Amino acid sequence: MNFVPNKNVIGLRRSNLGLLCSLSFICLGLLTAGVRASVNLIPAHWNAKEQADKVMAGLKTVTAPEVKGAHDAEMVIVDGYAYIVAELSDSRAGESASWPEIYVAMSVVDVETLKTQSIIHLARGEEKFANETLPVGACFVPRIIQRDTHTLRCYFASESPGQRQSQMWYRDFDLRTQAFVPTIHKVKIKTSSGTYDMQPQYLYADAQKGGFNKPAKDFGLYLFDSFKVFDGQTYVAVNNYPGRQNALAVLNKAMDTFEIIGHLNEPQNIGLCEAAINRLPDGTWLAIIRQDGGNRNYYFAESKDGRTWSKAVEMPHVQGGSSSKPTFDRIGGVYYLGWQDAATVNKANRSVFNVDVSLDGRTWVRKYRFETEKSFQYPTFREYQGAIYVLATQGDQSPSRKERIVFGKLEDVAR
């Protein structure tokens, strides 16, 4: 079907025009129902920018005063506290996998007061642990998941581009002692040919079997869109940013191995990376994928089983996007699709970010439009006890606007 825009609501094209014509009456009925459902997701006279301004007014910085560069944060919320991990630099704004001083740390924040209770070091290049010593290189793109009642597991990449294969590691945090355990461990990747240390070369070799032909990279393999549970299994979209690779993986029960179940890289000529993936009510997997080539707008791919993916295409409800991390969550039965707009505020980097909502993942309406010179980029959204909380990267002076991580409440969840 090819849904037609109706003011704020735009539907996804699901098949060709011929099918639309042959099923015109059915499509018209579905469109009308979809539009009504989506419009009801926001109150009358809702102003997406004004509501986003209110959210931003309440955001609090959760990184330490000495931090000059910060980016790519994620969180879990447990027993009234947000445990936020981020990559950080105390020497300069921005971030790069080639900066060996970049380290990862955790901020513990009271969700009721939004006050940061503590900031706890996680890992740094060349750091000696009880069982391992990290090599020289940046500790990059941290991710966090609750492993059990008393344990959080934090993942991060250790990398030094052009010098060695990057390696994914994990370190556990004890909620009872509020301290990290003294050991770190290598994460594994499972592909169609075996199980290995989680390094870019093995994701690349697996993608090559399916016709991937871009140059290999020795860094940039990250857990990106994480973690989502379907049918009792935990999934994550992994990517190699410099290699422009994307894949869907499932996490094993021990939470130490990511099994690649499907690659989504086509078309390869437009530089797709950093996918955010979810499942629609009919079981279809849908991915929104950052584009670092062409017009820089986002592309979408679908899969019936998470293994075989369609060739990605642009969709009419996301136009004028820019190269940055998208988000795709389902909270309280509502899909939240977040994407960076190419429009800017006073030419500031990544200064406009849209959040659209939907009940079916097909027909969307704008709920928030974040506009600020401080930037609003790489957000993470999490639900906790009937509310949605948000993290984002912001900055004041640097061209990248990657200077601190902010945290706050987005909204209460409608039931």
Protein backbone atom coordinates (compact mmCIF):
# COMPACT_ATOMS: atom_id res chain seq x y z
CA MET A 1 0.00 0.00 0.00
CA ASN A 2 1.05 3.53 -0.61
CA PHE A 3 -0.43 5.67 2.14
CA VAL A 4 -0.95 9.34 1.34
CA PRO A 5 0.15 12.09 3.77
CA ASN A 6 -2.58 13.74 5.83
CA LYS A 7 -1.04 16.76 7.56
CA ASN A 8 1.04 15.31 10.41
CA VAL A 9 0.38 11.69 9.56
CA ILE A 10 2.33 9.85 6.89
CA GLY A 11 2.12 6.16 6.16
CA LEU A 12 4.73 3.70 5.00
CA ARG A 13 4.62 2.39 1.46
CA ARG A 14 4.16 -1.36 1.69
CA SER A 15 3.89 -2.41 -1.91
CA ASN A 16 3.57 -1.02 -5.41
CA LEU A 17 1.06 1.32 -6.98
CA GLY A 18 -0.61 -1.46 -8.91
CA LEU A 19 -1.53 -3.23 -5.71
CA LEU A 20 -2.83 0.05 -4.32
CA CYS A 21 -5.12 0.50 -7.29
CA SER A 22 -6.44 -3.05 -7.17
CA LEU A 23 -7.15 -2.80 -3.46
CA SER A 24 -8.16 0.87 -3.40
CA PHE A 25 -11.28 0.54 -1.28
CA ILE A 26 -9.59 -1.70 1.27
CA CYS A 27 -6.54 0.57 1.44
CA LEU A 28 -8.70 3.64 1.92
CA GLY A 29 -10.43 2.03 4.87
CA LEU A 30 -7.13 0.95 6.44
CA LEU A 31 -5.67 4.41 5.92
CA THR A 32 -8.61 6.10 7.58
CA ALA A 33 -8.42 3.76 10.57
CA GLY A 34 -4.65 4.19 10.81
CA VAL A 35 -4.88 7.97 10.70
CA ARG A 36 -7.52 8.03 13.45
CA ALA A 37 -5.44 5.74 15.63
CA SER A 38 -2.27 7.78 15.17
CA VAL A 39 -3.93 11.13 15.72
CA ASN A 40 -5.33 9.83 19.00
CA LEU A 41 -1.78 9.23 20.21
CA ILE A 42 -1.32 12.94 20.90
CA PRO A 43 -3.68 15.43 22.57
CA ALA A 44 -5.53 18.05 20.58
CA HIS A 45 -3.54 21.20 19.81
CA TRP A 46 -0.27 19.43 20.61
CA ASN A 47 2.83 21.39 19.59
CA ALA A 48 5.80 19.10 19.04
CA LYS A 49 8.45 21.80 19.46
CA GLU A 50 6.90 23.34 22.57
CA GLN A 51 6.64 19.93 24.22
CA ALA A 52 10.25 19.13 23.33
CA ASP A 53 11.35 22.49 24.76
CA LYS A 54 9.72 21.52 28.06
CA VAL A 55 11.62 18.25 28.09
CA MET A 56 14.94 19.94 27.38
CA ALA A 57 14.34 22.52 30.12
CA GLY A 58 14.34 19.67 32.63
CA LEU A 59 17.45 17.83 31.44
CA LYS A 60 20.39 17.56 33.83
CA THR A 61 24.07 16.96 33.08
CA VAL A 62 25.23 13.60 34.41
CA THR A 63 28.89 13.66 33.35
CA ALA A 64 31.65 14.96 35.63
CA PRO A 65 32.77 18.62 35.55
CA GLU A 66 36.21 17.68 34.23
CA VAL A 67 34.74 15.95 31.17
CA LYS A 68 35.27 17.88 27.95
CA GLY A 69 34.05 15.31 25.44
CA ALA A 70 31.18 12.83 25.83
CA HIS A 71 29.03 10.74 23.52
CA ASP A 72 27.04 7.59 22.85
CA ALA A 73 25.47 6.93 26.25
CA GLU A 74 23.07 4.17 27.26
CA MET A 75 21.26 3.26 30.48
CA VAL A 76 19.24 0.85 32.54
CA ILE A 77 17.00 1.93 35.41
CA VAL A 78 16.87 -0.26 38.53
CA ASP A 79 15.30 0.42 41.94
CA GLY A 80 14.92 4.13 41.34
CA TYR A 81 18.37 4.77 39.87
CA ALA A 82 19.52 5.24 36.31
CA TYR A 83 22.85 3.57 35.59
CA ILE A 84 24.28 5.50 32.66
CA VAL A 85 27.39 4.50 30.72
CA ALA A 86 29.14 6.81 28.26
CA GLU A 87 32.41 7.30 26.41
CA LEU A 88 34.35 10.28 27.75
CA SER A 89 37.41 12.47 27.26
CA ASP A 90 38.86 14.80 29.86
CA SER A 91 41.18 16.50 27.36
CA ARG A 92 39.06 17.59 24.39
CA ALA A 93 35.54 17.86 23.06
CA GLY A 94 34.14 15.33 20.63
CA GLU A 95 35.18 11.70 20.23
CA SER A 96 37.16 9.44 17.94
CA ALA A 97 38.12 5.78 17.96
CA SER A 98 41.70 6.92 17.32
CA TRP A 99 41.93 8.93 20.55
CA PRO A 100 43.56 6.58 23.10
CA GLU A 101 42.56 8.75 26.07
CA ILE A 102 38.84 8.05 25.66
CA TYR A 103 37.53 5.99 28.56
CA VAL A 104 34.15 4.71 29.75
CA ALA A 105 32.44 5.46 33.06
CA MET A 106 29.08 5.04 34.76
CA SER A 107 26.92 7.77 36.29
CA VAL A 108 24.36 6.73 38.91
CA VAL A 109 21.39 9.10 38.93
CA ASP A 110 18.31 9.29 41.18
CA VAL A 111 15.40 9.28 38.72
CA GLU A 112 13.09 11.16 41.10
CA THR A 113 15.42 14.07 41.86
CA LEU A 114 17.58 13.79 38.70
CA LYS A 115 20.63 14.22 40.94
CA THR A 116 23.82 12.36 40.10
CA GLN A 117 24.73 10.23 43.12
CA SER A 118 28.09 8.96 41.93
CA ILE A 119 30.32 8.56 38.89
CA ILE A 120 32.20 5.26 38.75
CA HIS A 121 35.12 4.45 36.46
CA LEU A 122 34.57 1.49 34.13
CA ALA A 123 37.62 1.06 31.87
CA ARG A 124 40.50 2.83 30.16
CA GLY A 125 43.18 1.78 27.68
CA GLU A 126 46.26 0.18 29.32
CA GLU A 127 44.34 -0.36 32.55
CA LYS A 128 45.35 -3.43 34.59
CA PHE A 129 42.53 -5.59 35.88
CA ALA A 130 42.76 -8.67 38.09
CA ASN A 131 42.88 -11.00 35.08
CA GLU A 132 43.70 -8.86 32.03
CA THR A 133 45.43 -5.66 30.94
CA LEU A 134 43.80 -3.64 28.21
CA PRO A 135 46.01 -2.61 25.28
CA VAL A 136 46.58 0.98 24.24
CA GLY A 137 43.47 2.41 22.62
CA ALA A 138 40.11 4.04 23.11
CA CYS A 139 37.38 2.40 25.17
CA PHE A 140 34.38 3.11 23.02
CA VAL A 141 30.57 2.78 22.63
CA PRO A 142 29.57 1.30 26.01
CA ARG A 143 26.32 -0.61 26.44
CA ILE A 144 24.58 -1.88 29.57
CA ILE A 145 22.03 -4.55 30.46
CA GLN A 146 20.67 -5.96 33.70
CA ARG A 147 21.99 -9.49 33.91
CA ASP A 148 20.18 -10.58 37.08
CA THR A 149 18.78 -9.20 40.33
CA HIS A 150 22.16 -8.07 41.60
CA THR A 151 24.22 -7.57 38.44
CA LEU A 152 24.54 -5.13 35.57
CA ARG A 153 26.72 -6.07 32.62
CA CYS A 154 28.60 -3.34 30.76
CA TYR A 155 30.05 -3.88 27.28
CA PHE A 156 32.60 -1.71 25.51
CA ALA A 157 34.93 -1.85 22.52
CA SER A 158 38.70 -1.47 22.92
CA GLU A 159 40.20 -0.22 19.68
CA SER A 160 43.22 1.32 18.02
CA PRO A 161 42.50 1.83 14.30
CA GLY A 162 45.19 0.60 11.96
CA GLN A 163 47.14 -1.07 14.78
CA ARG A 164 45.06 -4.14 15.68
CA GLN A 165 41.64 -5.72 15.57
CA SER A 166 39.28 -4.03 18.02
CA GLN A 167 37.86 -6.28 20.75
CA MET A 168 34.54 -6.18 22.61
CA TRP A 169 34.83 -6.65 26.39
CA TYR A 170 32.43 -6.82 29.31
CA ARG A 171 32.67 -5.95 33.00
CA ASP A 172 30.04 -6.62 35.65
CA PHE A 173 28.70 -4.18 38.23
CA ASP A 174 27.42 -5.39 41.61
CA LEU A 175 24.27 -3.51 42.61
CA ARG A 176 24.68 -4.55 46.26
CA THR A 177 28.15 -3.05 46.66
CA GLN A 178 27.72 -0.38 43.97
CA ALA A 179 31.09 -1.36 42.56
CA PHE A 180 32.51 -3.03 39.48
CA VAL A 181 34.06 -6.47 39.87
CA PRO A 182 37.86 -6.46 39.41
CA THR A 183 37.88 -8.57 36.23
CA ILE A 184 37.02 -8.00 32.58
CA HIS A 185 36.22 -10.61 29.94
CA LYS A 186 36.23 -10.88 26.17
CA VAL A 187 32.88 -10.98 24.42
CA LYS A 188 32.35 -13.62 21.71
CA ILE A 189 30.70 -13.42 18.32
CA LYS A 190 29.02 -16.43 16.73
CA THR A 191 28.70 -16.53 12.96
CA SER A 192 27.78 -19.17 10.40
CA SER A 193 31.36 -20.49 10.54
CA GLY A 194 31.97 -20.63 14.29
CA THR A 195 32.43 -18.73 17.55
CA TYR A 196 35.27 -16.23 17.93
CA ASP A 197 36.46 -13.27 19.96
CA MET A 198 34.16 -10.40 19.04
CA GLN A 199 36.30 -8.60 16.47
CA PRO A 200 35.45 -6.86 13.16
CA GLN A 201 37.18 -9.48 10.99
CA TYR A 202 34.64 -12.16 11.86
CA LEU A 203 31.57 -10.02 11.21
CA TYR A 204 33.17 -9.00 7.91
CA ALA A 205 33.92 -12.59 6.85
CA ASP A 206 30.32 -13.59 7.59
CA ALA A 207 28.94 -10.67 5.57
CA GLN A 208 31.24 -11.51 2.67
CA LYS A 209 29.49 -14.85 2.28
CA GLY A 210 26.33 -12.93 1.44
CA GLY A 211 28.02 -10.69 -1.13
CA PHE A 212 29.28 -7.83 1.03
CA ASN A 213 32.16 -6.22 -0.87
CA LYS A 214 33.23 -3.07 0.95
CA PRO A 215 36.80 -2.88 2.31
CA ALA A 216 37.47 -4.59 5.63
CA LYS A 217 38.08 -2.43 8.73
CA ASP A 218 39.97 -3.44 11.86
CA PHE A 219 37.85 -1.31 14.21
CA GLY A 220 34.30 -0.03 14.57
CA LEU A 221 32.36 -3.16 15.58
CA TYR A 222 29.77 -2.01 18.15
CA LEU A 223 26.62 -3.11 19.90
CA PHE A 224 24.39 -0.38 18.66
CA ASP A 225 20.63 -0.64 19.04
CA SER A 226 20.18 -2.59 22.26
CA PHE A 227 18.64 -4.47 24.02
CA LYS A 228 15.18 -5.69 22.93
CA VAL A 229 13.40 -8.85 24.03
CA PHE A 230 11.08 -10.79 21.72
CA ASP A 231 9.72 -14.26 22.52
CA GLY A 232 12.08 -14.59 25.45
CA GLN A 233 15.24 -13.78 23.47
CA THR A 234 17.37 -10.64 23.65
CA TYR A 235 18.30 -8.97 20.37
CA VAL A 236 20.69 -6.20 19.40
CA ALA A 237 21.55 -4.49 16.15
CA VAL A 238 25.33 -4.59 15.71
CA ASN A 239 27.26 -2.52 13.23
CA ASN A 240 30.67 -1.63 11.97
CA TYR A 241 30.48 2.11 11.50
CA PRO A 242 33.59 2.74 9.34
CA GLY A 243 32.91 -0.48 7.39
CA ARG A 244 29.24 0.42 6.80
CA GLN A 245 27.99 -2.96 8.01
CA ASN A 246 24.76 -3.83 9.82
CA ALA A 247 23.49 -7.06 11.33
CA LEU A 248 20.90 -8.40 13.72
CA ALA A 249 22.22 -10.54 16.57
CA VAL A 250 20.75 -12.51 19.44
CA LEU A 251 22.40 -12.61 22.87
CA ASN A 252 22.92 -15.98 24.54
CA LYS A 253 21.68 -16.79 28.05
CA ALA A 254 25.14 -16.28 29.55
CA MET A 255 25.18 -12.80 27.98
CA ASP A 256 28.71 -13.25 26.70
CA THR A 257 28.12 -14.20 23.03
CA PHE A 258 26.27 -12.43 20.22
CA GLU A 259 25.08 -14.69 17.43
CA ILE A 260 24.66 -13.04 14.03
CA ILE A 261 21.36 -14.12 12.50
CA GLY A 262 21.01 -11.71 9.58
CA HIS A 263 22.85 -8.99 7.65
CA LEU A 264 21.20 -5.86 6.25
CA ASN A 265 23.63 -4.00 4.00
CA GLU A 266 21.87 -3.49 0.67
CA PRO A 267 22.18 -1.34 -1.29
CA GLN A 268 25.88 -1.11 -0.52
CA ASN A 269 26.54 1.99 -2.63
CA ILE A 270 24.89 4.46 -0.23
CA GLY A 271 26.81 3.82 3.00
CA LEU A 272 24.27 2.31 5.39
CA CYS A 273 25.16 1.98 9.08
CA GLU A 274 23.80 2.28 12.63
CA ALA A 275 20.45 0.53 12.27
CA ALA A 276 17.68 0.65 14.86
CA ILE A 277 15.40 -2.39 14.67
CA ASN A 278 12.02 -3.40 16.06
CA ARG A 279 9.20 -5.86 15.38
CA LEU A 280 5.77 -4.81 14.18
CA PRO A 281 2.49 -6.29 15.46
CA ASP A 282 2.31 -8.71 12.51
CA GLY A 283 5.79 -10.06 13.33
CA THR A 284 7.63 -8.18 10.58
CA TRP A 285 11.08 -6.90 11.51
CA LEU A 286 11.57 -3.26 10.51
CA ALA A 287 14.87 -1.34 10.54
CA ILE A 288 15.59 2.35 10.14
CA ILE A 289 19.18 2.79 8.97
CA ARG A 290 21.49 5.79 8.97
CA GLN A 291 22.87 6.77 5.56
CA ASP A 292 26.34 8.30 5.25
CA GLY A 293 26.20 8.76 1.50
CA GLY A 294 23.85 10.14 -1.11
CA ASN A 295 21.34 12.58 0.34
CA ARG A 296 22.07 11.37 3.93
CA ASN A 297 18.40 10.57 4.55
CA TYR A 298 17.39 7.42 6.42
CA TYR A 299 16.54 4.14 4.70
CA PHE A 300 14.24 1.31 5.83
CA ALA A 301 14.53 -2.47 5.43
CA GLU A 302 12.15 -5.28 6.36
CA SER A 303 12.44 -8.97 7.18
CA LYS A 304 9.97 -11.74 7.90
CA ASP A 305 12.40 -13.71 10.06
CA GLY A 306 15.28 -11.37 10.98
CA ARG A 307 17.60 -13.39 8.74
CA THR A 308 16.81 -12.35 5.19
CA TRP A 309 16.33 -8.61 4.72
CA SER A 310 14.87 -6.56 1.90
CA LYS A 311 16.90 -4.02 0.01
CA ALA A 312 16.62 -0.80 2.01
CA VAL A 313 14.62 2.10 0.58
CA GLU A 314 13.59 5.58 1.60
CA MET A 315 10.09 6.05 3.01
CA PRO A 316 7.81 9.07 2.60
CA HIS A 317 7.30 9.61 6.33
CA VAL A 318 11.02 10.26 6.95
CA GLN A 319 12.41 12.88 4.60
CA GLY A 320 15.22 15.40 5.02
CA GLY A 321 17.10 13.28 7.53
CA SER A 322 20.79 13.60 8.33
CA SER A 323 23.59 11.17 9.17
CA SER A 324 23.16 10.27 12.84
CA LYS A 325 21.92 7.50 15.10
CA PRO A 326 18.17 6.74 14.81
CA THR A 327 16.03 5.18 17.55
CA PHE A 328 13.14 2.74 17.25
CA ASP A 329 11.43 1.71 20.50
CA ARG A 330 8.08 0.30 21.55
CA ILE A 331 6.88 1.53 24.94
CA GLY A 332 3.40 1.08 26.38
CA GLY A 333 2.19 -0.37 23.08
CA VAL A 334 3.36 2.70 21.15
CA TYR A 335 6.25 2.83 18.68
CA TYR A 336 8.67 5.75 19.04
CA LEU A 337 10.78 6.50 15.97
CA GLY A 338 13.57 9.04 16.48
CA TRP A 339 15.66 10.56 13.70
CA GLN A 340 18.02 13.46 13.13
CA ASP A 341 16.73 16.22 10.88
CA ALA A 342 19.04 17.88 8.35
CA ALA A 343 17.59 21.25 9.37
CA THR A 344 19.74 23.12 11.88
CA VAL A 345 19.49 25.87 14.48
CA ASN A 346 22.06 28.55 13.62
CA LYS A 347 24.04 25.90 11.72
CA ALA A 348 24.80 23.94 14.89
CA ASN A 349 25.64 20.25 14.39
CA ARG A 350 22.73 17.84 14.87
CA SER A 351 20.54 20.52 16.36
CA VAL A 352 17.14 19.16 15.29
CA PHE A 353 15.80 15.73 16.28
CA ASN A 354 12.30 14.39 15.56
CA VAL A 355 10.34 11.76 17.48
CA ASP A 356 7.32 10.26 15.70
CA VAL A 357 4.82 7.81 17.22
CA SER A 358 2.66 5.03 15.85
CA LEU A 359 0.49 2.14 16.99
CA ASP A 360 1.30 -0.12 14.05
CA GLY A 361 4.73 1.04 12.86
CA ARG A 362 3.20 2.06 9.55
CA THR A 363 1.32 5.30 10.10
CA TRP A 364 3.12 8.01 12.05
CA VAL A 365 2.47 11.36 13.72
CA ARG A 366 5.03 13.85 15.05
CA LYS A 367 5.19 14.01 18.85
CA TYR A 368 8.44 15.84 19.59
CA ARG A 369 10.74 18.12 17.66
CA PHE A 370 13.87 18.96 19.60
CA GLU A 371 15.50 22.16 18.33
CA THR A 372 18.54 23.63 20.08
CA GLU A 373 21.97 25.12 19.36
CA LYS A 374 23.30 22.78 22.05
CA SER A 375 22.38 19.86 19.76
CA PHE A 376 20.18 16.89 20.56
CA GLN A 377 21.86 13.73 19.28
CA TYR A 378 22.26 10.02 19.94
CA PRO A 379 19.38 9.79 22.42
CA THR A 380 18.34 6.70 24.37
CA PHE A 381 14.80 6.19 25.67
CA ARG A 382 13.87 3.85 28.54
CA GLU A 383 10.64 3.18 30.42
CA TYR A 384 10.57 2.92 34.20
CA GLN A 385 7.49 2.68 36.42
CA GLY A 386 5.09 4.37 34.05
CA ALA A 387 7.41 7.04 32.69
CA ILE A 388 9.88 7.37 29.81
CA TYR A 389 13.33 8.78 30.51
CA VAL A 390 15.80 10.10 27.97
CA LEU A 391 19.55 10.50 27.54
CA ALA A 392 21.21 12.64 24.88
CA THR A 393 24.54 14.14 23.87
CA GLN A 394 24.78 17.93 23.96
CA GLY A 395 27.43 20.68 23.82
CA ASP A 396 27.90 24.43 23.71
CA GLN A 397 31.07 25.40 21.85
CA SER A 398 32.67 22.58 19.86
CA PRO A 399 31.71 21.98 16.22
CA SER A 400 30.61 18.44 17.08
CA ARG A 401 28.58 19.53 20.14
CA LYS A 402 29.73 16.37 21.91
CA GLU A 403 30.61 17.71 25.35
CA ARG A 404 28.29 16.17 27.94
CA ILE A 405 25.51 13.66 28.53
CA VAL A 406 22.15 14.91 29.76
CA PHE A 407 19.32 12.96 31.39
CA GLY A 408 15.70 13.66 32.22
CA LYS A 409 12.07 12.66 31.89
CA LEU A 410 10.38 12.58 28.50
CA GLU A 411 6.80 11.82 29.50
CA ASP A 412 4.44 9.60 31.43
CA VAL A 413 3.35 6.48 29.59
CA ALA A 414 -0.27 6.49 28.45
CA ARG A 415 -2.13 3.35 29.47
